[in-house]
PDB file of N, CA and C in Angstrom:
ATOM      1  N   UNK A   1      -8.306  -2.891 -10.222  1.00  0.00           N
ATOM      2  CA  UNK A   1      -8.676  -3.796 -11.287  1.00  0.00           C
ATOM      3  C   UNK A   1     -10.090  -4.268 -11.010  1.00  0.00           C
ATOM      4  N   UNK A   2     -10.913  -4.302 -12.004  1.00  0.00           N
ATOM      5  CA  UNK A   2     -12.279  -4.756 -11.823  1.00  0.00           C
ATOM      6  C   UNK A   2     -12.436  -6.158 -12.375  1.00  0.00           C
ATOM      7  N   UNK A   3     -13.388  -6.862 -11.809  1.00  0.00           N
ATOM      8  CA  UNK A   3     -13.650  -8.229 -12.255  1.00  0.00           C
ATOM      9  C   UNK A   3     -14.150  -8.210 -13.686  1.00  0.00           C
ATOM     10  N   UNK A   4     -13.797  -9.230 -14.442  1.00  0.00           N
ATOM     11  CA  UNK A   4     -14.262  -9.281 -15.822  1.00  0.00           C
ATOM     12  C   UNK A   4     -15.777  -9.405 -15.866  1.00  0.00           C
ATOM     13  N   UNK A   5     -16.352  -8.866 -16.912  1.00  0.00           N
ATOM     14  CA  UNK A   5     -17.793  -8.964 -17.067  1.00  0.00           C
ATOM     15  C   UNK A   5     -18.095  -9.503 -18.451  1.00  0.00           C
ATOM     16  N   UNK A   6     -19.341  -9.669 -18.737  1.00  0.00           N
ATOM     17  CA  UNK A   6     -19.739 -10.098 -20.071  1.00  0.00           C
ATOM     18  C   UNK A   6     -19.361 -11.532 -20.357  1.00  0.00           C
ATOM     19  N   UNK A   7     -18.745 -11.760 -21.501  1.00  0.00           N
ATOM     20  CA  UNK A   7     -18.468 -13.113 -21.974  1.00  0.00           C
ATOM     21  C   UNK A   7     -17.605 -13.924 -21.030  1.00  0.00           C
ATOM     22  N   UNK A   8     -16.660 -13.292 -20.379  1.00  0.00           N
ATOM     23  CA  UNK A   8     -15.725 -14.016 -19.515  1.00  0.00           C
ATOM     24  C   UNK A   8     -16.440 -14.720 -18.367  1.00  0.00           C
ATOM     25  N   UNK A   9     -17.413 -14.073 -17.748  1.00  0.00           N
ATOM     26  CA  UNK A   9     -18.095 -14.678 -16.608  1.00  0.00           C
ATOM     27  C   UNK A   9     -19.505 -15.146 -16.944  1.00  0.00           C
ATOM     28  N   UNK A  10     -19.910 -15.047 -18.208  1.00  0.00           N
ATOM     29  CA  UNK A  10     -21.273 -15.401 -18.603  1.00  0.00           C
ATOM     30  C   UNK A  10     -21.593 -16.863 -18.320  1.00  0.00           C
ATOM     31  N   UNK A  11     -20.631 -17.760 -18.476  1.00  0.00           N
ATOM     32  CA  UNK A  11     -20.879 -19.178 -18.271  1.00  0.00           C
ATOM     33  C   UNK A  11     -20.747 -19.620 -16.827  1.00  0.00           C
ATOM     34  N   UNK A  12     -20.457 -18.716 -15.927  1.00  0.00           N
ATOM     35  CA  UNK A  12     -20.264 -19.067 -14.529  1.00  0.00           C
ATOM     36  C   UNK A  12     -21.573 -18.962 -13.759  1.00  0.00           C
ATOM     37  N   UNK A  13     -21.738 -19.837 -12.777  1.00  0.00           N
ATOM     38  CA  UNK A  13     -22.923 -19.713 -11.936  1.00  0.00           C
ATOM     39  C   UNK A  13     -22.721 -18.563 -10.950  1.00  0.00           C
ATOM     40  N   UNK A  14     -23.743 -18.231 -10.248  1.00  0.00           N
ATOM     41  CA  UNK A  14     -23.724 -17.081  -9.341  1.00  0.00           C
ATOM     42  C   UNK A  14     -22.617 -17.204  -8.286  1.00  0.00           C
ATOM     43  N   UNK A  15     -22.457 -18.387  -7.730  1.00  0.00           N
ATOM     44  CA  UNK A  15     -21.433 -18.600  -6.704  1.00  0.00           C
ATOM     45  C   UNK A  15     -20.035 -18.389  -7.272  1.00  0.00           C
ATOM     46  N   UNK A  16     -19.799 -18.901  -8.469  1.00  0.00           N
ATOM     47  CA  UNK A  16     -18.488 -18.738  -9.103  1.00  0.00           C
ATOM     48  C   UNK A  16     -18.221 -17.274  -9.440  1.00  0.00           C
ATOM     49  N   UNK A  17     -19.247 -16.560  -9.895  1.00  0.00           N
ATOM     50  CA  UNK A  17     -19.080 -15.129 -10.190  1.00  0.00           C
ATOM     51  C   UNK A  17     -18.743 -14.353  -8.922  1.00  0.00           C
ATOM     52  N   UNK A  18     -19.404 -14.701  -7.821  1.00  0.00           N
ATOM     53  CA  UNK A  18     -19.112 -14.030  -6.547  1.00  0.00           C
ATOM     54  C   UNK A  18     -17.693 -14.334  -6.086  1.00  0.00           C
ATOM     55  N   UNK A  19     -17.258 -15.572  -6.247  1.00  0.00           N
ATOM     56  CA  UNK A  19     -15.894 -15.951  -5.861  1.00  0.00           C
ATOM     57  C   UNK A  19     -14.879 -15.205  -6.725  1.00  0.00           C
ATOM     58  N   UNK A  20     -15.161 -15.105  -8.019  1.00  0.00           N
ATOM     59  CA  UNK A  20     -14.269 -14.376  -8.914  1.00  0.00           C
ATOM     60  C   UNK A  20     -14.192 -12.898  -8.520  1.00  0.00           C
ATOM     61  N   UNK A  21     -15.315 -12.317  -8.172  1.00  0.00           N
ATOM     62  CA  UNK A  21     -15.326 -10.914  -7.735  1.00  0.00           C
ATOM     63  C   UNK A  21     -14.503 -10.741  -6.461  1.00  0.00           C
ATOM     64  N   UNK A  22     -14.604 -11.696  -5.520  1.00  0.00           N
ATOM     65  CA  UNK A  22     -13.796 -11.616  -4.293  1.00  0.00           C
ATOM     66  C   UNK A  22     -12.304 -11.746  -4.611  1.00  0.00           C
ATOM     67  N   UNK A  23     -11.972 -12.647  -5.548  1.00  0.00           N
ATOM     68  CA  UNK A  23     -10.572 -12.788  -5.930  1.00  0.00           C
ATOM     69  C   UNK A  23     -10.032 -11.469  -6.476  1.00  0.00           C
ATOM     70  N   UNK A  24     -10.804 -10.802  -7.337  1.00  0.00           N
ATOM     71  CA  UNK A  24     -10.366  -9.517  -7.888  1.00  0.00           C
ATOM     72  C   UNK A  24     -10.238  -8.453  -6.808  1.00  0.00           C
ATOM     73  N   UNK A  25     -11.070  -8.518  -5.782  1.00  0.00           N
ATOM     74  CA  UNK A  25     -10.919  -7.577  -4.660  1.00  0.00           C
ATOM     75  C   UNK A  25      -9.601  -7.845  -3.934  1.00  0.00           C
ATOM     76  N   UNK A  26      -9.277  -9.118  -3.732  1.00  0.00           N
ATOM     77  CA  UNK A  26      -7.990  -9.461  -3.122  1.00  0.00           C
ATOM     78  C   UNK A  26      -6.844  -8.953  -3.994  1.00  0.00           C
ATOM     79  N   UNK A  27      -6.963  -9.159  -5.282  1.00  0.00           N
ATOM     80  CA  UNK A  27      -5.939  -8.717  -6.220  1.00  0.00           C
ATOM     81  C   UNK A  27      -5.733  -7.207  -6.124  1.00  0.00           C
ATOM     82  N   UNK A  28      -6.819  -6.474  -5.951  1.00  0.00           N
ATOM     83  CA  UNK A  28      -6.738  -5.011  -5.825  1.00  0.00           C
ATOM     84  C   UNK A  28      -5.991  -4.559  -4.575  1.00  0.00           C
ATOM     85  N   UNK A  29      -5.871  -5.429  -3.578  1.00  0.00           N
ATOM     86  CA  UNK A  29      -5.172  -5.036  -2.347  1.00  0.00           C
ATOM     87  C   UNK A  29      -3.653  -5.140  -2.475  1.00  0.00           C
ATOM     88  N   UNK A  30      -3.175  -5.793  -3.529  1.00  0.00           N
ATOM     89  CA  UNK A  30      -1.730  -5.922  -3.719  1.00  0.00           C
ATOM     90  C   UNK A  30      -1.127  -4.579  -4.117  1.00  0.00           C
ATOM     91  N   UNK A  31       0.127  -4.343  -3.735  1.00  0.00           N
ATOM     92  CA  UNK A  31       0.822  -3.165  -4.262  1.00  0.00           C
ATOM     93  C   UNK A  31       0.829  -3.217  -5.791  1.00  0.00           C
ATOM     94  N   UNK A  32       0.793  -2.061  -6.423  1.00  0.00           N
ATOM     95  CA  UNK A  32       0.646  -1.967  -7.878  1.00  0.00           C
ATOM     96  C   UNK A  32       1.674  -2.799  -8.642  1.00  0.00           C
ATOM     97  N   UNK A  33       2.937  -2.752  -8.241  1.00  0.00           N
ATOM     98  CA  UNK A  33       3.962  -3.487  -8.992  1.00  0.00           C
ATOM     99  C   UNK A  33       3.790  -4.992  -8.849  1.00  0.00           C
ATOM    100  N   UNK A  34       3.389  -5.457  -7.675  1.00  0.00           N
ATOM    101  CA  UNK A  34       3.155  -6.888  -7.492  1.00  0.00           C
ATOM    102  C   UNK A  34       1.918  -7.329  -8.270  1.00  0.00           C
ATOM    103  N   UNK A  35       0.874  -6.520  -8.237  1.00  0.00           N
ATOM    104  CA  UNK A  35      -0.345  -6.818  -8.984  1.00  0.00           C
ATOM    105  C   UNK A  35      -0.063  -6.880 -10.483  1.00  0.00           C
ATOM    106  N   UNK A  36       0.729  -5.926 -10.978  1.00  0.00           N
ATOM    107  CA  UNK A  36       1.060  -5.897 -12.404  1.00  0.00           C
ATOM    108  C   UNK A  36       1.800  -7.158 -12.825  1.00  0.00           C
ATOM    109  N   UNK A  37       2.807  -7.540 -12.067  1.00  0.00           N
ATOM    110  CA  UNK A  37       3.582  -8.743 -12.388  1.00  0.00           C
ATOM    111  C   UNK A  37       2.683  -9.975 -12.341  1.00  0.00           C
ATOM    112  N   UNK A  38       1.842 -10.067 -11.318  1.00  0.00           N
ATOM    113  CA  UNK A  38       0.942 -11.215 -11.187  1.00  0.00           C
ATOM    114  C   UNK A  38      -0.001 -11.309 -12.385  1.00  0.00           C
ATOM    115  N   UNK A  39      -0.624 -10.200 -12.742  1.00  0.00           N
ATOM    116  CA  UNK A  39      -1.579 -10.190 -13.854  1.00  0.00           C
ATOM    117  C   UNK A  39      -0.890 -10.540 -15.172  1.00  0.00           C
ATOM    118  N   UNK A  40       0.278  -9.966 -15.404  1.00  0.00           N
ATOM    119  CA  UNK A  40       0.988 -10.262 -16.648  1.00  0.00           C
ATOM    120  C   UNK A  40       1.354 -11.735 -16.741  1.00  0.00           C
ATOM    121  N   UNK A  41       1.726 -12.329 -15.618  1.00  0.00           N
ATOM    122  CA  UNK A  41       2.131 -13.738 -15.622  1.00  0.00           C
ATOM    123  C   UNK A  41       0.931 -14.680 -15.622  1.00  0.00           C
ATOM    124  N   UNK A  42       0.045 -14.518 -14.663  1.00  0.00           N
ATOM    125  CA  UNK A  42      -1.018 -15.492 -14.441  1.00  0.00           C
ATOM    126  C   UNK A  42      -2.251 -15.278 -15.317  1.00  0.00           C
ATOM    127  N   UNK A  43      -2.520 -14.059 -15.685  1.00  0.00           N
ATOM    128  CA  UNK A  43      -3.728 -13.801 -16.469  1.00  0.00           C
ATOM    129  C   UNK A  43      -3.393 -13.599 -17.945  1.00  0.00           C
ATOM    130  N   UNK A  44      -2.347 -12.828 -18.222  1.00  0.00           N
ATOM    131  CA  UNK A  44      -1.959 -12.572 -19.610  1.00  0.00           C
ATOM    132  C   UNK A  44      -1.041 -13.657 -20.169  1.00  0.00           C
ATOM    133  N   UNK A  45      -0.435 -14.468 -19.306  1.00  0.00           N
ATOM    134  CA  UNK A  45       0.377 -15.588 -19.752  1.00  0.00           C
ATOM    135  C   UNK A  45       1.775 -15.243 -20.241  1.00  0.00           C
ATOM    136  N   UNK A  46       2.259 -14.057 -19.892  1.00  0.00           N
ATOM    137  CA  UNK A  46       3.609 -13.667 -20.314  1.00  0.00           C
ATOM    138  C   UNK A  46       4.651 -14.458 -19.521  1.00  0.00           C
ATOM    139  N   UNK A  47       5.800 -14.731 -20.146  1.00  0.00           N
ATOM    140  CA  UNK A  47       6.867 -15.381 -19.386  1.00  0.00           C
ATOM    141  C   UNK A  47       7.645 -14.319 -18.603  1.00  0.00           C
ATOM    142  N   UNK A  48       8.447 -14.780 -17.672  1.00  0.00           N
ATOM    143  CA  UNK A  48       9.135 -13.864 -16.757  1.00  0.00           C
ATOM    144  C   UNK A  48      10.059 -12.889 -17.479  1.00  0.00           C
ATOM    145  N   UNK A  49      10.749 -13.363 -18.499  1.00  0.00           N
ATOM    146  CA  UNK A  49      11.645 -12.479 -19.252  1.00  0.00           C
ATOM    147  C   UNK A  49      10.857 -11.380 -19.964  1.00  0.00           C
ATOM    148  N   UNK A  50       9.733 -11.751 -20.560  1.00  0.00           N
ATOM    149  CA  UNK A  50       8.882 -10.760 -21.232  1.00  0.00           C
ATOM    150  C   UNK A  50       8.398  -9.698 -20.251  1.00  0.00           C
ATOM    151  N   UNK A  51       8.014 -10.127 -19.072  1.00  0.00           N
ATOM    152  CA  UNK A  51       7.547  -9.183 -18.054  1.00  0.00           C
ATOM    153  C   UNK A  51       8.661  -8.227 -17.666  1.00  0.00           C
ATOM    154  N   UNK A  52       9.844  -8.766 -17.434  1.00  0.00           N
ATOM    155  CA  UNK A  52      10.981  -7.934 -17.039  1.00  0.00           C
ATOM    156  C   UNK A  52      11.250  -6.850 -18.081  1.00  0.00           C
ATOM    157  N   UNK A  53      11.240  -7.227 -19.335  1.00  0.00           N
ATOM    158  CA  UNK A  53      11.478  -6.267 -20.411  1.00  0.00           C
ATOM    159  C   UNK A  53      10.333  -5.261 -20.500  1.00  0.00           C
ATOM    160  N   UNK A  54       9.105  -5.755 -20.433  1.00  0.00           N
ATOM    161  CA  UNK A  54       7.931  -4.893 -20.610  1.00  0.00           C
ATOM    162  C   UNK A  54       7.834  -3.812 -19.541  1.00  0.00           C
ATOM    163  N   UNK A  55       8.210  -4.137 -18.318  1.00  0.00           N
ATOM    164  CA  UNK A  55       8.056  -3.148 -17.253  1.00  0.00           C
ATOM    165  C   UNK A  55       9.382  -2.596 -16.739  1.00  0.00           C
ATOM    166  N   UNK A  56      10.465  -2.986 -17.391  1.00  0.00           N
ATOM    167  CA  UNK A  56      11.760  -2.409 -17.057  1.00  0.00           C
ATOM    168  C   UNK A  56      12.297  -2.789 -15.698  1.00  0.00           C
ATOM    169  N   UNK A  57      12.114  -4.051 -15.318  1.00  0.00           N
ATOM    170  CA  UNK A  57      12.644  -4.563 -14.045  1.00  0.00           C
ATOM    171  C   UNK A  57      13.612  -5.693 -14.345  1.00  0.00           C
ATOM    172  N   UNK A  58      14.479  -5.943 -13.397  1.00  0.00           N
ATOM    173  CA  UNK A  58      15.354  -7.096 -13.549  1.00  0.00           C
ATOM    174  C   UNK A  58      14.531  -8.367 -13.377  1.00  0.00           C
ATOM    175  N   UNK A  59      15.031  -9.452 -13.929  1.00  0.00           N
ATOM    176  CA  UNK A  59      14.357 -10.735 -13.794  1.00  0.00           C
ATOM    177  C   UNK A  59      14.218 -11.115 -12.323  1.00  0.00           C
ATOM    178  N   UNK A  60      15.244 -10.865 -11.542  1.00  0.00           N
ATOM    179  CA  UNK A  60      15.200 -11.185 -10.113  1.00  0.00           C
ATOM    180  C   UNK A  60      14.086 -10.415  -9.399  1.00  0.00           C
ATOM    181  N   UNK A  61      13.920  -9.156  -9.755  1.00  0.00           N
ATOM    182  CA  UNK A  61      12.870  -8.341  -9.142  1.00  0.00           C
ATOM    183  C   UNK A  61      11.494  -8.853  -9.540  1.00  0.00           C
ATOM    184  N   UNK A  62      11.325  -9.215 -10.799  1.00  0.00           N
ATOM    185  CA  UNK A  62      10.053  -9.778 -11.261  1.00  0.00           C
ATOM    186  C   UNK A  62       9.740 -11.039 -10.465  1.00  0.00           C
ATOM    187  N   UNK A  63      10.717 -11.916 -10.300  1.00  0.00           N
ATOM    188  CA  UNK A  63      10.509 -13.158  -9.546  1.00  0.00           C
ATOM    189  C   UNK A  63      10.123 -12.873  -8.101  1.00  0.00           C
ATOM    190  N   UNK A  64      10.795 -11.914  -7.465  1.00  0.00           N
ATOM    191  CA  UNK A  64      10.476 -11.552  -6.074  1.00  0.00           C
ATOM    192  C   UNK A  64       9.056 -11.013  -5.958  1.00  0.00           C
ATOM    193  N   UNK A  65       8.696 -10.128  -6.862  1.00  0.00           N
ATOM    194  CA  UNK A  65       7.358  -9.513  -6.809  1.00  0.00           C
ATOM    195  C   UNK A  65       6.269 -10.553  -7.080  1.00  0.00           C
ATOM    196  N   UNK A  66       6.518 -11.449  -8.006  1.00  0.00           N
ATOM    197  CA  UNK A  66       5.550 -12.504  -8.296  1.00  0.00           C
ATOM    198  C   UNK A  66       5.391 -13.426  -7.089  1.00  0.00           C
ATOM    199  N   UNK A  67       6.496 -13.771  -6.462  1.00  0.00           N
ATOM    200  CA  UNK A  67       6.450 -14.620  -5.277  1.00  0.00           C
ATOM    201  C   UNK A  67       5.663 -13.948  -4.150  1.00  0.00           C
ATOM    202  N   UNK A  68       5.918 -12.673  -3.917  1.00  0.00           N
ATOM    203  CA  UNK A  68       5.178 -11.940  -2.879  1.00  0.00           C
ATOM    204  C   UNK A  68       3.692 -11.904  -3.193  1.00  0.00           C
ATOM    205  N   UNK A  69       3.363 -11.623  -4.447  1.00  0.00           N
ATOM    206  CA  UNK A  69       1.951 -11.557  -4.835  1.00  0.00           C
ATOM    207  C   UNK A  69       1.276 -12.907  -4.609  1.00  0.00           C
ATOM    208  N   UNK A  70       1.910 -13.970  -5.045  1.00  0.00           N
ATOM    209  CA  UNK A  70       1.331 -15.302  -4.867  1.00  0.00           C
ATOM    210  C   UNK A  70       1.151 -15.636  -3.392  1.00  0.00           C
ATOM    211  N   UNK A  71       2.162 -15.323  -2.581  1.00  0.00           N
ATOM    212  CA  UNK A  71       2.071 -15.612  -1.148  1.00  0.00           C
ATOM    213  C   UNK A  71       0.933 -14.840  -0.489  1.00  0.00           C
ATOM    214  N   UNK A  72       0.808 -13.560  -0.821  1.00  0.00           N
ATOM    215  CA  UNK A  72      -0.258 -12.748  -0.238  1.00  0.00           C
ATOM    216  C   UNK A  72      -1.634 -13.248  -0.679  1.00  0.00           C
ATOM    217  N   UNK A  73      -1.775 -13.543  -1.967  1.00  0.00           N
ATOM    218  CA  UNK A  73      -3.064 -14.034  -2.460  1.00  0.00           C
ATOM    219  C   UNK A  73      -3.399 -15.394  -1.860  1.00  0.00           C
ATOM    220  N   UNK A  74      -2.421 -16.269  -1.753  1.00  0.00           N
ATOM    221  CA  UNK A  74      -2.649 -17.585  -1.157  1.00  0.00           C
ATOM    222  C   UNK A  74      -3.122 -17.453   0.275  1.00  0.00           C
ATOM    223  N   UNK A  75      -2.504 -16.568   1.040  1.00  0.00           N
ATOM    224  CA  UNK A  75      -2.912 -16.351   2.427  1.00  0.00           C
ATOM    225  C   UNK A  75      -4.360 -15.881   2.505  1.00  0.00           C
ATOM    226  N   UNK A  76      -4.727 -14.974   1.634  1.00  0.00           N
ATOM    227  CA  UNK A  76      -6.093 -14.445   1.643  1.00  0.00           C
ATOM    228  C   UNK A  76      -7.103 -15.484   1.167  1.00  0.00           C
ATOM    229  N   UNK A  77      -6.734 -16.256   0.172  1.00  0.00           N
ATOM    230  CA  UNK A  77      -7.633 -17.279  -0.365  1.00  0.00           C
ATOM    231  C   UNK A  77      -7.888 -18.367   0.676  1.00  0.00           C
ATOM    232  N   UNK A  78      -6.870 -18.732   1.437  1.00  0.00           N
ATOM    233  CA  UNK A  78      -7.005 -19.812   2.413  1.00  0.00           C
ATOM    234  C   UNK A  78      -7.996 -19.492   3.518  1.00  0.00           C
ATOM    235  N   UNK A  79      -8.264 -18.223   3.765  1.00  0.00           N
ATOM    236  CA  UNK A  79      -9.233 -17.871   4.807  1.00  0.00           C
ATOM    237  C   UNK A  79     -10.610 -17.542   4.230  1.00  0.00           C
ATOM    238  N   UNK A  80     -10.762 -17.611   2.924  1.00  0.00           N
ATOM    239  CA  UNK A  80     -12.045 -17.340   2.268  1.00  0.00           C
ATOM    240  C   UNK A  80     -12.715 -18.676   1.961  1.00  0.00           C
ATOM    241  N   UNK A  81     -13.818 -18.946   2.622  1.00  0.00           N
ATOM    242  CA  UNK A  81     -14.457 -20.260   2.492  1.00  0.00           C
ATOM    243  C   UNK A  81     -14.919 -20.570   1.066  1.00  0.00           C
ATOM    244  N   UNK A  82     -15.244 -19.560   0.280  1.00  0.00           N
ATOM    245  CA  UNK A  82     -15.679 -19.807  -1.089  1.00  0.00           C
ATOM    246  C   UNK A  82     -14.505 -20.023  -2.029  1.00  0.00           C
ATOM    247  N   UNK A  83     -13.391 -19.355  -1.786  1.00  0.00           N
ATOM    248  CA  UNK A  83     -12.237 -19.470  -2.678  1.00  0.00           C
ATOM    249  C   UNK A  83     -11.329 -20.642  -2.318  1.00  0.00           C
ATOM    250  N   UNK A  84     -11.274 -21.013  -1.061  1.00  0.00           N
ATOM    251  CA  UNK A  84     -10.371 -22.069  -0.615  1.00  0.00           C
ATOM    252  C   UNK A  84     -10.511 -23.362  -1.419  1.00  0.00           C
ATOM    253  N   UNK A  85     -11.731 -23.855  -1.702  1.00  0.00           N
ATOM    254  CA  UNK A  85     -11.827 -25.095  -2.478  1.00  0.00           C
ATOM    255  C   UNK A  85     -11.332 -24.965  -3.914  1.00  0.00           C
ATOM    256  N   UNK A  86     -11.257 -23.755  -4.434  1.00  0.00           N
ATOM    257  CA  UNK A  86     -10.828 -23.537  -5.806  1.00  0.00           C
ATOM    258  C   UNK A  86      -9.322 -23.394  -5.929  1.00  0.00           C
ATOM    259  N   UNK A  87      -8.635 -23.219  -4.804  1.00  0.00           N
ATOM    260  CA  UNK A  87      -7.189 -22.998  -4.816  1.00  0.00           C
ATOM    261  C   UNK A  87      -6.470 -24.306  -5.083  1.00  0.00           C
ATOM    262  N   UNK A  88      -5.527 -24.258  -6.032  1.00  0.00           N
ATOM    263  CA  UNK A  88      -4.782 -25.458  -6.417  1.00  0.00           C
ATOM    264  C   UNK A  88      -3.416 -25.519  -5.764  1.00  0.00           C
ATOM    265  N   UNK A  89      -3.029 -24.541  -5.014  1.00  0.00           N
ATOM    266  CA  UNK A  89      -1.672 -24.507  -4.467  1.00  0.00           C
ATOM    267  C   UNK A  89      -1.606 -25.058  -3.138  1.00  0.00           C
TER     268      UNK A  89
END
């Protein structure tokens, strides 16, 4: 997955754009199914039931994959000095 360009990051300062690019690099390190669930939930705003139907997984599996993705991203964000202040969790 590549970081958004153009209008999405146009209003961001250089530091914020760099932090966003690092976040997308972290996101790219997730296994594909965990990344897909995370993106559908956190970026696309789909609810868990919609995700389960869209990708043909049980609700329990979607919840597990989302939890793993969040945990992995949180761990990576906590050690990144630029992203850590932006983390709300």
